[in-house]
């Protein structure tokens, strides 16, 4: 019987302490935590590294030992930064290209900042960073804020000879923030070079039509001026008639 009483008393204390902890998470603390979470920022930067330093790197054939010492082979990658974490929060990071989920606590940071690498540069990747309150608070596990960062993708067409002279065209830019249809790429690039498409791939009037319109205005500027004056005069006359009619109706 005594053991039973002790057990009941222990359970009662456990539930009481649990309720007490939960009660600490009041509106004031939650608002404070959400305000702190808004300071968490996510960003990316393009970086490069020399892969000749990697173990087992295969140098191109024909290089002497001296040439190999001076040879460099850089590859691009992204550094993802999550800044301004505090001990009162942790983050959960997912992305749209894998099922991987990573959780970072303040102990994983350097002065509240987290950095990790993304080596896949050929696909758009959107990161979802969800901030939760940590066990240091009375609101442990509460979702506070969600932020996002999307890395662009490398466009392999930008290195093709067909893009020479068309670097501003959207299919020839080195980094893209949207996907595109790979069909008829060379044909669209040629249309851009001929002035049939603008830099965003939208159709534009042929240059001959533009010149034709400009030449017409130049050659018939007298007629254009008279027409414009006539349109203005008619508009003024119509306005006068409407005003007079309104006045007569009001009498």
Protein backbone atom coordinates (compact mmCIF):
# COMPACT_ATOMS: atom_id res chain seq x y z
CA UNK A 1 0.00 0.00 0.00
CA UNK A 2 2.84 2.33 0.86
CA UNK A 3 4.49 1.68 -2.51
CA UNK A 4 1.22 2.41 -4.27
CA UNK A 5 0.89 5.76 -2.48
CA UNK A 6 4.49 6.65 -3.41
CA UNK A 7 3.82 5.74 -7.05
CA UNK A 8 0.64 7.84 -7.18
CA UNK A 9 2.46 10.73 -5.52
CA UNK A 10 5.34 10.49 -8.03
CA UNK A 11 2.95 10.45 -10.99
CA UNK A 12 1.08 13.44 -9.57
CA UNK A 13 4.33 15.40 -9.21
CA UNK A 14 5.33 14.50 -12.80
CA UNK A 15 2.07 15.72 -14.29
CA UNK A 16 2.08 18.82 -12.11
CA UNK A 17 5.60 19.73 -13.23
CA UNK A 18 4.65 19.11 -16.87
CA UNK A 19 1.64 21.36 -16.61
CA UNK A 20 3.77 23.98 -14.87
CA UNK A 21 6.34 23.95 -17.67
CA UNK A 22 3.62 24.25 -20.29
CA UNK A 23 2.02 27.08 -18.38
CA UNK A 24 5.27 29.07 -18.63
CA UNK A 25 4.78 29.38 -22.42
CA UNK A 26 2.53 32.39 -22.22
CA UNK A 27 1.69 34.89 -24.95
CA UNK A 28 4.39 37.29 -23.85
CA UNK A 29 7.21 34.76 -24.13
CA UNK A 30 5.88 33.36 -27.40
CA UNK A 31 5.76 36.82 -28.97
CA UNK A 32 9.31 37.47 -27.79
CA UNK A 33 10.51 34.21 -29.34
CA UNK A 34 8.73 34.94 -32.63
CA UNK A 35 10.36 38.36 -32.71
CA UNK A 36 13.79 36.73 -32.28
CA UNK A 37 13.00 34.20 -35.00
CA UNK A 38 12.32 37.00 -37.48
CA UNK A 39 16.00 37.93 -37.17
CA UNK A 40 17.06 34.57 -38.60
CA UNK A 41 18.21 35.16 -42.18
CA UNK A 42 19.03 32.65 -44.92
CA UNK A 43 21.17 33.35 -47.98
CA UNK A 44 23.57 31.72 -50.42
CA UNK A 45 26.85 32.59 -52.07
CA UNK A 46 28.59 31.16 -55.10
CA UNK A 47 31.99 29.73 -54.23
CA UNK A 48 34.76 27.86 -56.03
CA UNK A 49 37.27 25.28 -54.91
CA UNK A 50 40.34 23.73 -56.49
CA UNK A 51 39.63 20.01 -56.89
CA UNK A 52 43.29 19.24 -57.64
CA UNK A 53 43.67 19.20 -53.85
CA UNK A 54 41.24 16.27 -53.56
CA UNK A 55 42.79 12.83 -52.95
CA UNK A 56 43.05 10.77 -56.13
CA UNK A 57 42.53 13.70 -58.51
CA UNK A 58 43.40 12.68 -62.11
CA UNK A 59 45.44 15.30 -63.93
CA UNK A 60 45.11 15.67 -67.71
CA UNK A 61 47.52 13.51 -69.67
CA UNK A 62 50.84 14.95 -70.72
CA UNK A 63 51.51 17.29 -67.78
CA UNK A 64 54.96 17.32 -66.26
CA UNK A 65 55.43 17.22 -62.47
CA UNK A 66 56.16 20.95 -62.49
CA UNK A 67 53.05 21.68 -64.56
CA UNK A 68 50.93 19.57 -62.22
CA UNK A 69 52.14 21.62 -59.25
CA UNK A 70 50.87 24.79 -60.90
CA UNK A 71 47.75 23.28 -62.44
CA UNK A 72 44.38 24.29 -60.99
CA UNK A 73 40.90 22.96 -61.68
CA UNK A 74 38.10 24.98 -60.06
CA UNK A 75 34.52 23.81 -59.65
CA UNK A 76 31.61 25.95 -58.49
CA UNK A 77 29.33 25.21 -55.55
CA UNK A 78 27.01 27.11 -53.22
CA UNK A 79 27.47 27.98 -49.58
CA UNK A 80 24.15 28.20 -47.73
CA UNK A 81 24.14 30.51 -44.72
CA UNK A 82 21.67 30.61 -41.84
CA UNK A 83 22.46 33.45 -39.46
CA UNK A 84 21.38 34.88 -36.10
CA UNK A 85 20.32 31.73 -34.26
CA UNK A 86 20.16 31.96 -30.48
CA UNK A 87 20.12 29.36 -27.72
CA UNK A 88 16.35 29.75 -27.58
CA UNK A 89 15.79 28.19 -31.02
CA UNK A 90 16.78 25.46 -33.44
CA UNK A 91 16.14 25.07 -37.18
CA UNK A 92 14.88 22.29 -39.41
CA UNK A 93 16.14 22.42 -43.01
CA UNK A 94 14.56 20.59 -45.97
CA UNK A 95 14.75 21.06 -49.72
CA UNK A 96 12.61 20.25 -52.75
CA UNK A 97 15.09 17.86 -54.38
CA UNK A 98 15.59 15.26 -51.67
CA UNK A 99 13.94 13.73 -48.63
CA UNK A 100 16.85 14.79 -46.46
CA UNK A 101 15.99 16.74 -43.32
CA UNK A 102 18.64 18.34 -41.14
CA UNK A 103 18.22 19.81 -37.68
CA UNK A 104 20.68 22.39 -36.38
CA UNK A 105 20.80 23.57 -32.78
CA UNK A 106 22.75 26.50 -31.35
CA UNK A 107 25.53 24.05 -30.44
CA UNK A 108 26.02 23.39 -34.18
CA UNK A 109 26.62 27.08 -34.89
CA UNK A 110 29.61 29.38 -34.78
CA UNK A 111 28.40 32.45 -32.91
CA UNK A 112 24.84 31.72 -34.02
CA UNK A 113 25.71 31.14 -37.70
CA UNK A 114 25.42 27.93 -39.73
CA UNK A 115 27.01 27.26 -43.13
CA UNK A 116 26.74 24.15 -45.27
CA UNK A 117 27.70 23.36 -48.87
CA UNK A 118 25.56 22.48 -51.87
CA UNK A 119 27.60 20.84 -54.63
CA UNK A 120 24.65 20.18 -56.97
CA UNK A 121 24.57 23.28 -59.20
CA UNK A 122 22.65 21.94 -62.21
CA UNK A 123 19.18 22.07 -60.62
CA UNK A 124 17.16 24.75 -58.91
CA UNK A 125 17.02 23.96 -55.22
CA UNK A 126 14.63 25.61 -52.76
CA UNK A 127 15.44 25.32 -49.07
CA UNK A 128 12.75 25.59 -46.41
CA UNK A 129 14.15 26.73 -43.05
CA UNK A 130 11.71 26.34 -40.16
CA UNK A 131 12.62 27.85 -36.80
CA UNK A 132 11.40 26.24 -33.56
CA UNK A 133 11.77 27.22 -29.92
CA UNK A 134 14.35 25.14 -28.05
CA UNK A 135 14.32 23.37 -24.69
CA UNK A 136 15.81 26.49 -23.10
CA UNK A 137 12.36 28.05 -23.27
CA UNK A 138 8.97 27.23 -21.86
CA UNK A 139 7.68 26.79 -25.43
CA UNK A 140 9.90 23.92 -26.57
CA UNK A 141 9.08 22.62 -30.06
CA UNK A 142 6.79 25.51 -31.02
CA UNK A 143 7.06 26.58 -34.65
CA UNK A 144 8.06 30.25 -34.70
CA UNK A 145 8.83 31.23 -38.29
CA UNK A 146 9.62 29.82 -41.75
CA UNK A 147 11.97 31.36 -44.29
CA UNK A 148 13.22 30.21 -47.70
CA UNK A 149 16.24 30.46 -49.95
CA UNK A 150 16.48 29.26 -53.58
CA UNK A 151 19.77 28.67 -55.37
CA UNK A 152 19.95 29.17 -59.17
CA UNK A 153 21.08 26.49 -61.58
CA UNK A 154 24.08 26.44 -63.89
CA UNK A 155 23.13 26.71 -67.56
CA UNK A 156 25.36 24.42 -69.66
CA UNK A 157 24.21 26.14 -72.88
CA UNK A 158 26.08 29.26 -71.76
CA UNK A 159 29.35 27.54 -72.66
CA UNK A 160 28.24 26.55 -76.16
CA UNK A 161 29.60 28.43 -79.23
CA UNK A 162 26.03 29.21 -80.36
CA UNK A 163 25.75 31.61 -77.42
CA UNK A 164 28.62 33.78 -78.63
CA UNK A 165 27.16 37.23 -79.18
CA UNK A 166 23.95 36.31 -77.35
CA UNK A 167 25.14 36.38 -73.75
CA UNK A 168 22.18 38.53 -72.65
CA UNK A 169 19.62 36.05 -74.02
CA UNK A 170 17.92 34.06 -71.25
CA UNK A 171 19.02 30.70 -72.71
CA UNK A 172 22.65 31.83 -72.73
CA UNK A 173 22.95 33.26 -69.21
CA UNK A 174 25.36 31.40 -66.97
CA UNK A 175 22.94 31.14 -64.03
CA UNK A 176 19.17 30.75 -64.29
CA UNK A 177 16.45 31.21 -61.69
CA UNK A 178 13.79 29.36 -63.71
CA UNK A 179 13.68 26.13 -65.68
CA UNK A 180 13.23 26.13 -69.45
CA UNK A 181 12.22 23.89 -72.32
CA UNK A 182 15.32 22.39 -73.97
CA UNK A 183 13.56 21.94 -77.33
CA UNK A 184 14.70 24.16 -80.23
CA UNK A 185 17.29 25.98 -78.13
CA UNK A 186 19.61 26.74 -81.06
CA UNK A 187 16.65 27.93 -83.15
CA UNK A 188 15.52 30.34 -80.42
CA UNK A 189 19.04 31.67 -79.97
CA UNK A 190 19.25 32.37 -83.72
CA UNK A 191 15.90 34.19 -83.58
CA UNK A 192 17.27 36.34 -80.78
CA UNK A 193 20.35 37.20 -82.84
CA UNK A 194 18.07 38.20 -85.73
CA UNK A 195 16.02 40.44 -83.42
CA UNK A 196 12.89 38.29 -83.58
CA UNK A 197 12.98 37.56 -79.83
CA UNK A 198 13.90 39.87 -76.97
CA UNK A 199 16.34 38.87 -74.21
CA UNK A 200 13.53 37.17 -72.25
CA UNK A 201 12.47 35.06 -75.25
CA UNK A 202 9.37 37.09 -76.15
CA UNK A 203 8.56 37.73 -79.81
CA UNK A 204 9.39 41.19 -81.19
CA UNK A 205 8.38 42.79 -84.52
CA UNK A 206 10.95 42.32 -87.28
CA UNK A 207 13.42 45.19 -87.57
CA UNK A 208 12.05 45.99 -91.02
CA UNK A 209 8.61 46.69 -89.54
CA UNK A 210 10.09 48.95 -86.88
CA UNK A 211 12.11 50.86 -89.46
CA UNK A 212 9.09 50.99 -91.76
CA UNK A 213 6.96 52.65 -89.12
CA UNK A 214 9.66 55.15 -88.22
CA UNK A 215 10.28 55.97 -91.88
CA UNK A 216 6.53 56.42 -92.45
CA UNK A 217 6.33 58.92 -89.58
CA UNK A 218 9.35 60.79 -90.91
CA UNK A 219 8.04 60.90 -94.48
CA UNK A 220 4.48 61.86 -93.51
CA UNK A 221 5.11 63.93 -90.41
CA UNK A 222 2.87 66.70 -91.81
CA UNK A 223 -0.08 64.32 -92.17
CA UNK A 224 0.65 62.80 -88.74
CA UNK A 225 0.73 66.26 -87.13
CA UNK A 226 -2.52 67.35 -88.80
CA UNK A 227 -4.19 64.09 -87.78
CA UNK A 228 -3.06 64.52 -84.21
CA UNK A 229 -4.34 68.10 -84.10
CA UNK A 230 -7.66 66.95 -85.59
CA UNK A 231 -8.03 64.24 -82.96
CA UNK A 232 -7.33 66.75 -80.18
CA UNK A 233 -9.78 69.29 -81.69
CA UNK A 234 -12.54 66.71 -82.03
CA UNK A 235 -11.93 65.58 -78.45
CA UNK A 236 -12.20 69.18 -77.26
CA UNK A 237 -15.38 69.76 -79.27
CA UNK A 238 -17.00 66.63 -77.88
CA UNK A 239 -16.10 67.75 -74.35
CA UNK A 240 -17.68 71.19 -74.93
CA UNK A 241 -20.89 69.62 -76.28
CA UNK A 242 -21.14 67.26 -73.30
CA UNK A 243 -20.59 70.11 -70.84
CA UNK A 244 -23.24 72.32 -72.53
CA UNK A 245 -25.70 69.43 -72.55
CA UNK A 246 -25.14 68.79 -68.85
CA UNK A 247 -25.67 72.48 -68.07
CA UNK A 248 -28.91 72.64 -70.05
CA UNK A 249 -30.18 69.54 -68.23
CA UNK A 250 -29.47 71.21 -64.92
CA UNK A 251 -31.51 74.36 -65.78
